[in-house]
N, C-alpha and C. Protein backbone atom coordinates (compact mmCIF):
# COMPACT_ATOMS: atom_id res chain seq x y z
N GLY A 1 54.17 41.41 45.92
CA GLY A 1 54.32 42.48 46.95
C GLY A 1 53.42 43.63 46.67
N ASP A 2 53.34 44.63 47.84
CA ASP A 2 52.80 45.52 47.61
C ASP A 2 52.93 46.54 46.94
N GLU A 3 52.68 47.50 46.32
CA GLU A 3 53.29 48.58 45.05
C GLU A 3 54.22 49.09 45.90
N LYS A 4 53.93 49.88 47.17
CA LYS A 4 55.03 50.60 47.71
C LYS A 4 56.22 49.90 48.09
N ASN A 5 56.28 48.83 48.37
CA ASN A 5 57.68 47.92 48.59
C ASN A 5 58.00 47.69 47.58
N LEU A 6 57.13 47.02 46.23
CA LEU A 6 58.21 47.01 44.98
C LEU A 6 58.51 48.33 44.51
N GLN A 7 58.18 49.11 44.45
CA GLN A 7 58.45 50.62 43.96
C GLN A 7 59.73 50.76 44.92
N LEU A 8 59.91 50.47 45.77
CA LEU A 8 61.33 50.74 47.02
C LEU A 8 62.52 49.79 46.42
N PHE A 9 61.94 48.62 46.09
CA PHE A 9 63.00 47.60 45.56
C PHE A 9 63.30 48.13 44.35
N ILE A 10 62.43 48.21 43.11
CA ILE A 10 62.94 48.68 41.96
C ILE A 10 64.02 50.03 41.75
N ALA A 11 63.59 50.98 42.73
CA ALA A 11 64.49 52.23 43.06
C ALA A 11 65.84 51.78 43.35
N ALA A 12 65.84 50.91 44.46
CA ALA A 12 67.46 50.51 45.17
C ALA A 12 67.91 49.55 43.41
N LEU A 13 67.20 48.79 43.06
CA LEU A 13 67.69 48.08 42.27
C LEU A 13 68.19 48.83 40.91
N GLN A 14 67.52 50.00 40.24
CA GLN A 14 68.16 50.72 39.16
C GLN A 14 69.17 51.28 39.53
N GLN A 15 69.93 51.66 41.22
CA GLN A 15 71.19 52.35 41.42
C GLN A 15 72.19 51.16 41.16
N LYS A 16 71.82 49.85 41.11
CA LYS A 16 72.73 49.06 40.65
C LYS A 16 73.59 49.17 39.13
N PRO A 17 74.98 49.19 38.93
CA PRO A 17 75.32 49.14 37.57
C PRO A 17 75.09 48.13 36.64
N GLY A 18 74.29 48.58 35.40
CA GLY A 18 73.52 47.79 34.43
C GLY A 18 72.36 47.82 34.54
N PHE A 19 71.66 48.09 35.70
CA PHE A 19 70.30 47.90 35.81
C PHE A 19 69.38 49.65 35.85
N GLU A 20 70.28 50.51 35.28
CA GLU A 20 69.95 51.58 35.33
C GLU A 20 68.54 51.82 34.44
N ASP A 21 68.70 51.48 33.23
CA ASP A 21 67.55 51.81 31.97
C ASP A 21 66.71 50.25 31.91
N MET A 22 66.49 49.55 32.94
CA MET A 22 66.25 48.31 33.10
C MET A 22 64.55 48.43 32.63
N PHE A 23 63.73 47.72 31.68
CA PHE A 23 62.70 47.92 31.19
C PHE A 23 61.64 47.38 32.52
N ILE A 24 61.09 47.81 32.98
CA ILE A 24 60.01 47.18 34.03
C ILE A 24 58.56 46.80 33.58
N LYS A 25 58.32 45.47 33.78
CA LYS A 25 56.62 45.00 33.53
C LYS A 25 55.80 45.13 34.68
N TYR A 26 54.99 45.77 34.69
CA TYR A 26 53.68 45.38 36.17
C TYR A 26 52.68 44.73 35.94
N ALA A 27 52.32 44.13 36.64
CA ALA A 27 51.07 43.47 36.67
C ALA A 27 50.26 43.11 38.31
N PHE A 28 49.41 43.78 38.08
CA PHE A 28 48.42 43.83 39.30
C PHE A 28 47.62 43.02 39.65
N ASN A 29 47.35 42.36 40.68
CA ASN A 29 46.52 41.27 40.86
C ASN A 29 45.74 41.48 42.38
N GLU A 30 44.78 41.25 42.48
CA GLU A 30 44.08 41.42 43.98
C GLU A 30 44.69 40.57 44.92
N LYS A 31 45.39 39.78 44.70
CA LYS A 31 46.23 38.80 45.85
C LYS A 31 47.63 38.08 45.18
N PRO A 32 48.26 38.09 46.18
CA PRO A 32 49.63 37.66 45.50
C PRO A 32 49.83 36.61 44.74
N ILE A 33 50.46 36.43 43.34
CA ILE A 33 50.76 35.20 42.55
C ILE A 33 51.29 34.39 42.64
N PHE A 34 52.76 34.72 43.58
CA PHE A 34 53.59 34.08 44.02
C PHE A 34 53.61 33.70 45.49
N LYS A 35 54.00 32.15 45.64
CA LYS A 35 54.41 31.95 47.00
C LYS A 35 55.06 32.72 47.54
N LYS A 36 56.46 32.82 47.15
CA LYS A 36 57.42 33.42 47.78
C LYS A 36 58.29 33.93 46.56
N GLN A 37 59.41 34.90 47.14
CA GLN A 37 60.28 35.54 46.53
C GLN A 37 61.58 34.58 46.22
N VAL A 38 62.18 33.97 44.96
CA VAL A 38 63.40 33.10 45.02
C VAL A 38 64.29 33.74 44.39
N VAL A 39 65.47 34.09 44.57
CA VAL A 39 66.44 34.55 43.82
C VAL A 39 67.61 33.55 43.28
N HIS A 40 67.68 33.14 42.20
CA HIS A 40 68.82 31.95 41.76
C HIS A 40 69.80 32.87 41.28
N VAL A 41 71.24 32.66 41.24
CA VAL A 41 72.04 33.18 40.49
C VAL A 41 72.56 32.15 39.36
N LYS A 42 72.13 32.65 38.02
CA LYS A 42 72.80 31.56 36.95
C LYS A 42 73.36 32.29 36.03
N LYS A 43 74.30 31.41 35.36
CA LYS A 43 75.03 32.18 33.99
C LYS A 43 74.44 32.67 32.66
N GLU A 44 73.30 31.55 32.78
CA GLU A 44 72.60 32.05 32.00
C GLU A 44 71.01 32.15 31.85
N ILE A 45 69.90 32.93 31.47
CA ILE A 45 68.70 32.82 31.95
C ILE A 45 67.65 32.05 31.23
N VAL A 46 68.06 31.92 29.92
CA VAL A 46 67.23 30.98 29.25
C VAL A 46 68.29 30.23 28.28
N THR A 47 68.23 28.78 28.03
CA THR A 47 69.40 28.21 27.65
C THR A 47 69.03 28.02 26.29
N LEU A 48 70.26 28.40 25.69
CA LEU A 48 69.93 28.45 23.91
C LEU A 48 71.11 27.34 23.60
N LYS A 49 71.73 26.77 24.24
CA LYS A 49 73.03 25.90 24.00
C LYS A 49 73.69 26.17 23.04
N ARG A 50 73.86 27.51 22.61
CA ARG A 50 74.87 28.40 22.04
C ARG A 50 75.67 29.32 22.81
N PRO A 51 76.50 28.99 23.14
CA PRO A 51 77.17 30.04 24.50
C PRO A 51 77.96 31.38 23.35
N ASP A 52 78.12 30.83 22.25
CA ASP A 52 78.77 32.24 21.59
C ASP A 52 77.80 32.95 21.03
N ILE A 53 76.38 33.06 21.31
CA ILE A 53 75.48 34.06 20.90
C ILE A 53 75.40 34.94 22.21
N ASN A 54 75.58 36.13 21.53
CA ASN A 54 75.56 36.99 22.87
C ASN A 54 74.57 38.33 22.48
N PRO A 55 73.53 38.28 22.87
CA PRO A 55 72.32 39.47 22.49
C PRO A 55 73.05 40.70 22.88
N THR A 56 73.79 41.17 23.60
CA THR A 56 74.40 41.92 24.47
C THR A 56 75.09 43.12 23.02
N THR A 57 75.62 42.34 22.06
CA THR A 57 76.35 42.50 21.07
C THR A 57 75.63 42.85 19.99
N LYS A 58 74.74 41.88 19.88
CA LYS A 58 74.18 41.79 18.60
C LYS A 58 72.51 41.10 18.78
N THR A 59 71.69 42.01 18.52
CA THR A 59 70.49 41.44 18.66
C THR A 59 69.30 42.05 17.86
N ALA A 60 68.18 41.65 17.01
CA ALA A 60 67.13 42.00 16.21
C ALA A 60 66.64 43.37 16.97
N PRO A 61 66.13 44.46 15.91
CA PRO A 61 65.10 45.87 16.24
C PRO A 61 63.71 45.37 16.74
N HIS A 62 63.56 45.85 17.94
CA HIS A 62 62.46 45.81 18.53
C HIS A 62 61.45 46.71 18.00
N LEU A 63 60.04 46.00 17.95
CA LEU A 63 59.20 46.77 17.36
C LEU A 63 57.67 46.85 18.14
N ASN A 64 57.42 48.10 18.45
CA ASN A 64 56.48 48.38 19.03
C ASN A 64 54.77 47.51 18.56
N ALA A 65 53.66 47.63 19.56
CA ALA A 65 52.63 46.89 19.01
C ALA A 65 52.19 47.57 17.83
N LYS A 66 51.93 48.52 17.53
CA LYS A 66 51.75 49.16 15.98
C LYS A 66 52.50 48.54 14.78
N ASP A 67 53.67 48.77 15.00
CA ASP A 67 54.82 48.26 14.05
C ASP A 67 54.37 47.11 14.06
N TRP A 68 54.90 46.32 14.77
CA TRP A 68 54.34 44.79 14.77
C TRP A 68 53.12 44.64 14.18
N ASN A 69 51.87 44.77 14.43
CA ASN A 69 51.16 44.46 13.60
C ASN A 69 50.96 45.02 11.91
N LYS A 70 51.63 45.90 11.70
CA LYS A 70 51.83 46.33 10.44
C LYS A 70 52.88 45.12 9.96
N LEU A 71 53.85 44.90 10.43
CA LEU A 71 54.52 43.41 9.84
C LEU A 71 54.17 42.29 9.82
N LEU A 72 53.20 42.00 10.53
CA LEU A 72 52.34 40.94 10.67
C LEU A 72 51.02 40.85 8.90
N GLU A 73 51.20 42.27 8.90
CA GLU A 73 50.28 41.72 7.46
C GLU A 73 51.12 42.16 6.36
N ASP A 74 52.42 42.31 6.53
CA ASP A 74 53.16 42.02 5.68
C ASP A 74 53.41 40.45 4.70
N LYS A 75 53.08 40.51 3.45
CA LYS A 75 53.08 38.89 2.62
C LYS A 75 54.52 38.18 2.36
N ASN A 76 55.42 39.35 3.07
CA ASN A 76 56.71 38.11 2.51
C ASN A 76 57.40 37.85 4.25
N VAL A 77 56.37 37.92 5.28
CA VAL A 77 57.26 37.54 6.28
C VAL A 77 56.78 36.27 6.95
N VAL A 78 57.90 35.93 7.70
CA VAL A 78 57.62 34.71 8.68
C VAL A 78 57.41 34.81 9.80
N VAL A 79 56.59 34.59 10.94
CA VAL A 79 56.10 34.66 11.90
C VAL A 79 56.45 33.78 12.99
N ILE A 80 57.60 33.65 13.86
CA ILE A 80 57.90 32.75 14.55
C ILE A 80 57.94 32.80 16.26
N ASP A 81 56.75 31.84 16.70
CA ASP A 81 56.80 31.95 18.33
C ASP A 81 57.71 31.11 18.72
N THR A 82 58.67 32.09 19.55
CA THR A 82 59.86 31.08 19.80
C THR A 82 59.84 30.41 21.49
N ARG A 83 58.30 30.26 21.85
CA ARG A 83 58.02 29.69 23.01
C ARG A 83 58.01 28.30 22.64
N ASN A 84 57.76 27.77 23.80
CA ASN A 84 57.60 26.02 23.98
C ASN A 84 55.98 25.50 23.43
N ASP A 85 56.14 24.24 23.12
CA ASP A 85 54.63 23.90 22.27
C ASP A 85 53.50 23.93 23.22
N TYR A 86 53.98 23.82 25.10
CA TYR A 86 52.67 23.75 25.61
C TYR A 86 52.03 25.39 25.73
N GLU A 87 52.93 26.29 25.57
CA GLU A 87 52.69 27.61 25.33
C GLU A 87 52.28 28.06 24.20
N TYR A 88 52.39 27.55 23.36
CA TYR A 88 51.94 28.20 21.77
C TYR A 88 50.40 27.66 21.76
N LYS A 89 50.03 26.52 21.99
CA LYS A 89 49.15 25.87 22.27
C LYS A 89 48.08 26.50 22.75
N THR A 90 48.15 27.33 23.93
CA THR A 90 47.51 27.91 24.76
C THR A 90 47.15 29.54 23.84
N GLY A 91 47.76 29.91 23.13
CA GLY A 91 47.30 31.19 22.45
C GLY A 91 48.71 31.51 21.64
N THR A 92 48.63 32.43 20.59
CA THR A 92 49.76 32.78 19.58
C THR A 92 49.11 34.17 18.86
N PHE A 93 49.68 34.44 18.28
CA PHE A 93 49.26 35.23 16.91
C PHE A 93 49.16 34.77 15.61
N PRO A 94 48.24 35.41 14.60
CA PRO A 94 47.75 34.60 13.42
C PRO A 94 48.78 34.23 12.93
N ASN A 95 48.71 33.04 12.21
CA ASN A 95 49.76 32.22 11.29
C ASN A 95 50.68 32.18 11.75
N SER A 96 51.17 32.06 12.86
CA SER A 96 52.57 32.16 13.61
C SER A 96 53.20 30.66 13.54
N ILE A 97 54.29 30.37 13.39
CA ILE A 97 55.23 28.74 13.01
C ILE A 97 55.28 28.47 14.42
N ASN A 98 55.00 27.25 15.20
CA ASN A 98 55.38 26.75 16.19
C ASN A 98 56.46 25.66 16.05
N PRO A 99 57.72 26.12 16.39
CA PRO A 99 58.59 25.05 16.25
C PRO A 99 58.42 23.82 16.91
N GLN A 100 57.27 23.52 17.83
CA GLN A 100 57.23 22.38 18.67
C GLN A 100 58.42 21.79 19.31
N ASN A 101 59.03 22.73 20.02
CA ASN A 101 59.94 22.61 20.69
C ASN A 101 59.73 22.39 22.30
N LYS A 102 60.34 21.36 22.99
CA LYS A 102 59.87 21.28 24.49
C LYS A 102 60.69 22.05 25.32
N THR A 103 61.97 22.54 24.92
CA THR A 103 62.89 23.38 25.59
C THR A 103 63.44 24.43 24.48
N PHE A 104 63.71 25.50 25.18
CA PHE A 104 64.40 26.54 24.50
C PHE A 104 65.45 26.12 23.58
N GLY A 105 66.50 25.03 24.11
CA GLY A 105 67.64 24.57 23.84
C GLY A 105 67.30 24.09 22.61
N GLU A 106 66.06 23.58 22.02
CA GLU A 106 65.92 22.94 20.94
C GLU A 106 65.76 23.87 19.75
N PHE A 107 65.69 24.92 19.81
CA PHE A 107 65.11 26.00 18.85
C PHE A 107 66.33 25.95 17.88
N PRO A 108 67.35 26.09 18.35
CA PRO A 108 68.55 25.99 16.99
C PRO A 108 68.61 24.87 16.27
N ASN A 109 68.01 23.78 16.46
CA ASN A 109 67.70 22.73 15.84
C ASN A 109 66.38 22.74 14.63
N PHE A 110 65.92 23.37 15.21
CA PHE A 110 64.42 23.87 14.50
C PHE A 110 64.97 24.78 13.06
N VAL A 111 65.83 26.02 13.55
CA VAL A 111 66.07 26.49 12.54
C VAL A 111 67.13 25.65 11.38
N LYS A 112 67.84 25.01 12.07
CA LYS A 112 68.82 24.35 10.68
C LYS A 112 67.94 23.42 10.01
N ASN A 113 67.03 22.83 10.59
CA ASN A 113 66.17 21.64 9.70
C ASN A 113 65.14 22.41 8.89
N ASN A 114 64.83 23.95 8.90
CA ASN A 114 63.88 24.46 8.45
C ASN A 114 64.38 25.67 7.62
N THR A 115 65.64 25.78 6.95
CA THR A 115 66.42 27.18 5.95
C THR A 115 65.36 27.21 5.17
N GLU A 116 64.54 26.42 4.54
CA GLU A 116 64.04 26.62 3.55
C GLU A 116 62.48 27.97 3.91
N LEU A 117 62.26 27.77 4.95
CA LEU A 117 61.20 28.82 5.47
C LEU A 117 61.61 29.93 6.04
N PHE A 118 62.77 30.23 5.80
CA PHE A 118 63.46 31.85 6.20
C PHE A 118 64.04 32.38 4.72
N LYS A 119 64.28 31.52 3.64
CA LYS A 119 64.81 32.02 2.58
C LYS A 119 64.28 33.41 1.59
N ASN A 120 65.12 34.41 1.82
CA ASN A 120 64.58 35.82 1.26
C ASN A 120 63.19 35.97 1.85
N LYS A 121 63.16 35.95 3.34
CA LYS A 121 61.86 36.45 3.63
C LYS A 121 62.46 37.12 5.13
N LYS A 122 61.44 38.12 5.41
CA LYS A 122 61.70 39.06 6.64
C LYS A 122 61.18 37.97 8.05
N ILE A 123 61.76 37.88 9.16
CA ILE A 123 61.73 37.12 10.11
C ILE A 123 60.75 37.82 11.48
N ALA A 124 59.81 37.75 11.95
CA ALA A 124 59.36 38.35 13.01
C ALA A 124 59.22 37.26 13.99
N MET A 125 59.65 37.64 15.07
CA MET A 125 60.07 36.77 16.68
C MET A 125 59.04 37.27 17.77
N PHE A 126 58.82 36.61 18.19
CA PHE A 126 58.09 37.14 19.59
C PHE A 126 58.34 35.74 20.56
N CYS A 127 58.14 36.46 21.90
CA CYS A 127 57.92 35.27 23.10
C CYS A 127 57.18 36.14 24.59
N THR A 128 57.26 35.54 25.55
CA THR A 128 56.28 36.06 26.45
C THR A 128 56.91 37.48 26.77
N GLY A 129 57.86 37.56 27.43
CA GLY A 129 58.47 38.91 27.98
C GLY A 129 59.78 39.65 27.08
N GLY A 130 59.96 38.86 26.12
CA GLY A 130 60.64 39.30 25.28
C GLY A 130 62.77 38.89 25.74
N ILE A 131 62.42 37.73 26.69
CA ILE A 131 63.97 37.82 26.90
C ILE A 131 64.56 36.68 25.80
N ARG A 132 63.36 35.32 25.37
CA ARG A 132 64.03 34.43 24.70
C ARG A 132 64.44 34.81 23.21
N CYS A 133 63.47 36.09 22.91
CA CYS A 133 63.64 36.61 21.65
C CYS A 133 65.17 37.53 21.31
N GLU A 134 65.52 38.12 22.62
CA GLU A 134 67.01 38.64 22.58
C GLU A 134 67.91 37.26 21.85
N LYS A 135 67.99 36.36 22.35
CA LYS A 135 69.04 35.26 21.89
C LYS A 135 68.59 34.83 20.75
N ALA A 136 67.15 34.26 20.30
CA ALA A 136 66.35 33.70 19.30
C ALA A 136 67.31 34.77 17.89
N THR A 137 66.44 36.00 18.19
CA THR A 137 67.00 36.87 17.02
C THR A 137 68.31 37.09 16.54
N SER A 138 69.12 37.06 18.05
CA SER A 138 70.87 36.99 17.75
C SER A 138 71.47 35.70 17.06
N LEU A 139 70.80 34.69 17.11
CA LEU A 139 71.17 33.31 16.42
C LEU A 139 70.58 33.88 15.16
N MET A 140 69.78 34.41 14.59
CA MET A 140 69.28 34.50 13.46
C MET A 140 70.04 35.27 12.52
N LEU A 141 70.69 36.39 13.17
CA LEU A 141 71.48 37.36 12.65
C LEU A 141 72.88 36.81 12.55
N ASP A 142 73.25 35.84 13.14
CA ASP A 142 74.45 35.07 13.46
C ASP A 142 74.38 34.21 12.09
N LEU A 143 73.37 33.73 11.93
CA LEU A 143 73.09 32.78 10.77
C LEU A 143 72.99 33.29 9.47
N GLY A 144 73.13 34.45 9.44
CA GLY A 144 72.95 35.54 8.12
C GLY A 144 71.51 35.90 7.42
N TYR A 145 70.55 35.94 8.50
CA TYR A 145 69.33 35.79 8.06
C TYR A 145 69.49 37.97 8.69
N ASN A 146 68.92 38.70 7.48
CA ASN A 146 69.22 39.85 7.72
C ASN A 146 68.08 40.86 8.43
N GLU A 147 66.84 40.33 7.54
CA GLU A 147 65.64 41.14 8.03
C GLU A 147 65.21 40.63 9.30
N VAL A 148 65.75 40.52 10.54
CA VAL A 148 65.13 40.20 11.33
C VAL A 148 64.45 40.90 12.50
N TYR A 149 63.03 40.73 12.89
CA TYR A 149 62.37 41.57 13.89
C TYR A 149 61.83 40.98 15.17
N GLN A 150 62.35 41.50 16.50
CA GLN A 150 61.54 41.21 17.62
C GLN A 150 60.24 42.43 18.12
N LEU A 151 58.93 41.41 19.07
CA LEU A 151 58.04 42.21 19.45
C LEU A 151 58.84 42.97 20.86
N ASP A 152 58.52 44.35 21.22
CA ASP A 152 59.58 44.63 22.05
C ASP A 152 58.62 44.42 23.37
N GLY A 153 59.38 43.91 24.14
CA GLY A 153 58.78 43.74 25.51
C GLY A 153 57.84 42.24 25.28
N GLY A 154 57.99 41.67 24.46
CA GLY A 154 57.04 40.52 24.23
C GLY A 154 55.73 40.58 24.12
N ILE A 155 54.92 39.39 24.40
CA ILE A 155 53.55 39.26 24.28
C ILE A 155 52.96 40.30 25.41
N TRP A 156 53.30 39.82 26.43
CA TRP A 156 52.72 40.78 27.94
C TRP A 156 53.03 42.36 27.89
N ASN A 157 53.92 43.03 27.02
CA ASN A 157 53.97 44.28 26.83
C ASN A 157 53.02 44.80 25.75
N TYR A 158 52.79 43.97 24.57
CA TYR A 158 51.92 44.12 23.58
C TYR A 158 50.73 44.28 24.16
N LEU A 159 49.88 43.29 24.90
CA LEU A 159 48.65 42.90 25.48
C LEU A 159 48.63 44.43 26.35
N ASP A 160 49.51 44.84 26.65
CA ASP A 160 49.68 45.95 27.86
C ASP A 160 49.15 46.95 27.16
N THR A 161 49.67 47.15 26.00
CA THR A 161 50.14 48.73 25.11
C THR A 161 48.90 48.53 23.95
N VAL A 162 48.49 47.42 23.04
CA VAL A 162 47.95 47.53 21.95
C VAL A 162 46.36 48.16 22.43
N PRO A 163 45.90 49.17 21.51
CA PRO A 163 44.20 49.43 21.76
C PRO A 163 43.70 47.91 21.36
N LYS A 164 42.52 47.75 22.42
CA LYS A 164 41.78 46.57 22.21
C LYS A 164 41.03 46.38 20.68
N ASP A 165 40.65 47.27 19.81
CA ASP A 165 40.45 47.50 18.46
C ASP A 165 41.90 46.78 17.63
N GLU A 166 42.98 46.80 18.05
CA GLU A 166 43.86 46.81 16.97
C GLU A 166 44.65 45.41 17.68
N ASN A 167 43.82 44.57 18.69
CA ASN A 167 44.57 43.45 19.36
C ASN A 167 44.56 42.22 18.20
N LYS A 168 45.69 41.80 17.86
CA LYS A 168 45.56 40.55 16.89
C LYS A 168 45.88 39.01 17.56
N TRP A 169 45.83 39.36 18.87
CA TRP A 169 46.41 38.14 19.80
C TRP A 169 44.65 37.12 19.72
N ILE A 170 45.52 35.65 19.62
CA ILE A 170 44.36 34.57 19.60
C ILE A 170 44.33 33.90 20.60
N GLY A 171 43.61 33.89 21.91
CA GLY A 171 43.50 32.74 22.73
C GLY A 171 44.27 33.49 23.98
N GLU A 172 44.98 32.64 24.90
CA GLU A 172 45.38 33.19 26.43
C GLU A 172 47.02 33.04 26.09
N CYS A 173 47.62 33.69 26.96
CA CYS A 173 49.25 33.77 27.46
C CYS A 173 49.36 32.55 28.26
N PHE A 174 50.29 32.36 28.56
CA PHE A 174 50.84 31.55 29.62
C PHE A 174 51.97 32.32 30.48
N VAL A 175 51.78 32.21 31.52
CA VAL A 175 52.53 32.87 32.67
C VAL A 175 53.29 31.76 33.47
N PHE A 176 54.28 32.18 34.39
CA PHE A 176 54.97 31.16 34.95
C PHE A 176 54.53 31.42 36.60
N ASP A 177 53.66 31.52 36.75
CA ASP A 177 52.92 31.58 38.27
C ASP A 177 51.50 31.19 38.19
N ASP A 178 50.95 31.40 39.48
CA ASP A 178 49.77 30.51 39.99
C ASP A 178 48.19 31.21 39.00
N ARG A 179 48.75 32.09 38.31
CA ARG A 179 47.75 32.22 37.30
C ARG A 179 47.52 31.11 35.97
N ILE A 180 48.59 30.97 35.62
CA ILE A 180 48.68 29.92 34.95
C ILE A 180 48.60 30.58 33.39
N THR A 181 47.53 31.10 33.14
CA THR A 181 47.34 31.92 31.94
C THR A 181 46.86 33.58 31.96
N VAL A 182 46.90 34.36 31.13
CA VAL A 182 46.11 35.84 31.24
C VAL A 182 45.47 35.72 29.97
N ASP A 183 44.50 36.70 29.92
CA ASP A 183 43.69 36.93 29.09
C ASP A 183 44.24 38.35 28.21
N THR A 184 43.11 38.86 27.40
CA THR A 184 44.05 39.92 26.61
C THR A 184 43.97 41.10 27.27
N ASP A 185 43.15 41.05 28.46
CA ASP A 185 43.20 42.30 29.26
C ASP A 185 43.91 42.08 30.68
N LEU A 186 45.11 40.99 30.04
CA LEU A 186 46.08 40.67 31.44
C LEU A 186 45.67 40.37 32.87
N ASP A 187 44.51 39.91 32.74
CA ASP A 187 43.51 39.19 33.83
C ASP A 187 44.09 38.02 34.04
N LYS A 188 43.09 36.92 34.87
CA LYS A 188 43.85 35.81 35.28
C LYS A 188 42.99 34.87 34.12
N GLY A 189 43.49 34.21 33.47
CA GLY A 189 42.65 33.14 32.53
C GLY A 189 41.87 32.44 33.02
N SER A 190 41.52 31.61 31.85
CA SER A 190 40.46 30.47 32.01
C SER A 190 40.90 29.01 32.37
N PHE A 191 42.22 29.03 32.81
CA PHE A 191 42.80 27.62 33.47
C PHE A 191 42.42 27.78 34.85
N GLU A 192 41.85 26.80 35.52
CA GLU A 192 41.70 26.65 36.70
C GLU A 192 43.03 26.02 37.81
N SER A 193 43.95 25.32 37.01
CA SER A 193 44.91 24.40 37.60
C SER A 193 46.00 24.51 36.41
N PHE A 194 47.14 23.69 37.08
CA PHE A 194 48.08 23.26 36.00
C PHE A 194 47.78 22.51 35.12
N THR A 195 47.02 21.23 36.07
CA THR A 195 46.79 19.88 35.39
C THR A 195 45.49 20.27 34.47
N HIS A 196 44.77 21.39 34.51
CA HIS A 196 43.81 22.03 33.40
C HIS A 196 44.59 21.85 32.36
N HIS A 197 45.64 23.17 32.59
CA HIS A 197 46.42 23.45 31.29
C HIS A 197 46.82 22.45 30.67
N GLU A 198 47.40 21.20 31.40
CA GLU A 198 47.96 20.16 30.64
C GLU A 198 46.93 19.39 30.07
N GLU A 199 45.84 19.33 30.19
CA GLU A 199 44.93 18.47 29.75
C GLU A 199 44.06 19.10 28.58
N PHE A 200 44.47 20.46 28.32
CA PHE A 200 44.04 21.18 27.17
C PHE A 200 45.14 20.97 26.18
N VAL A 201 46.49 21.21 26.58
CA VAL A 201 47.31 20.60 25.71
C VAL A 201 47.35 19.52 24.97
N ALA A 202 47.24 18.49 26.02
CA ALA A 202 47.20 17.15 25.28
C ALA A 202 46.02 16.94 24.35
N SER A 203 44.86 17.86 24.34
CA SER A 203 43.73 17.55 23.60
C SER A 203 43.70 18.02 22.32
N GLN A 204 44.81 18.73 21.97
CA GLN A 204 45.40 19.86 20.78
C GLN A 204 46.22 18.89 20.21
N ASN A 205 45.80 17.53 19.83
CA ASN A 205 46.77 16.77 19.24
C ASN A 205 46.68 16.68 17.61
N THR A 206 45.98 17.80 17.21
CA THR A 206 45.60 17.69 15.79
C THR A 206 46.94 18.63 15.66
N PRO A 207 47.76 18.23 14.33
CA PRO A 207 48.66 19.36 14.05
C PRO A 207 48.29 20.95 13.49
N GLN A 208 48.66 21.48 13.75
CA GLN A 208 48.44 22.84 13.27
C GLN A 208 49.10 23.23 12.26
N LYS A 209 48.27 23.92 11.21
CA LYS A 209 48.81 24.12 9.92
C LYS A 209 49.76 25.86 10.45
N ASP A 210 51.19 25.18 10.07
CA ASP A 210 52.26 26.92 10.09
C ASP A 210 51.92 27.27 8.68
N ALA A 211 51.67 28.56 8.80
CA ALA A 211 52.03 29.42 7.78
C ALA A 211 53.23 29.72 7.33
N GLN A 212 53.48 29.97 6.03
CA GLN A 212 55.09 30.43 5.43
C GLN A 212 54.92 31.19 4.62
């Protein structure tokens, strides 16, 4: 919607209990990027298939862009892209591990089957907007991994706040609207359609080397 109406909506929303300190992400575009507004009431925002995991009681510390970049330089860190495979192949951080998940619900199995990757390591996790990482880091803490961190506000907030000369993102970022991807300036990316993106992902059939 237009900025004025959205500001009114946000102001009204923040009057509701539980929404007072909600972190708002803004995206500016010349034309609407969603065809319509749809509201669904769901028990779970992103499905991890671990109903016992509760990020409201336990989740990893949030790192701003500067501290995140510093952590990426640490030789004892494992960087995990918690998004799905088709998102990873559009763009990611250097040396990040691709869990090769089709859905987020597969992530616990990835962790279970790759425990050696995380042994005695710092764990840095990121996703598009920070939602999946709240659960993914909570899972890691629940499994006994102590040094776990997440990128504050996800990729979107990183690209919105990091200075251009310090930006470590490689490629574009998949988004769930008509833009398909955004570039490092948060402008519409290079993909003309979802079909174009799907063709690109299908072409990336050479396994990428995962850093450990």
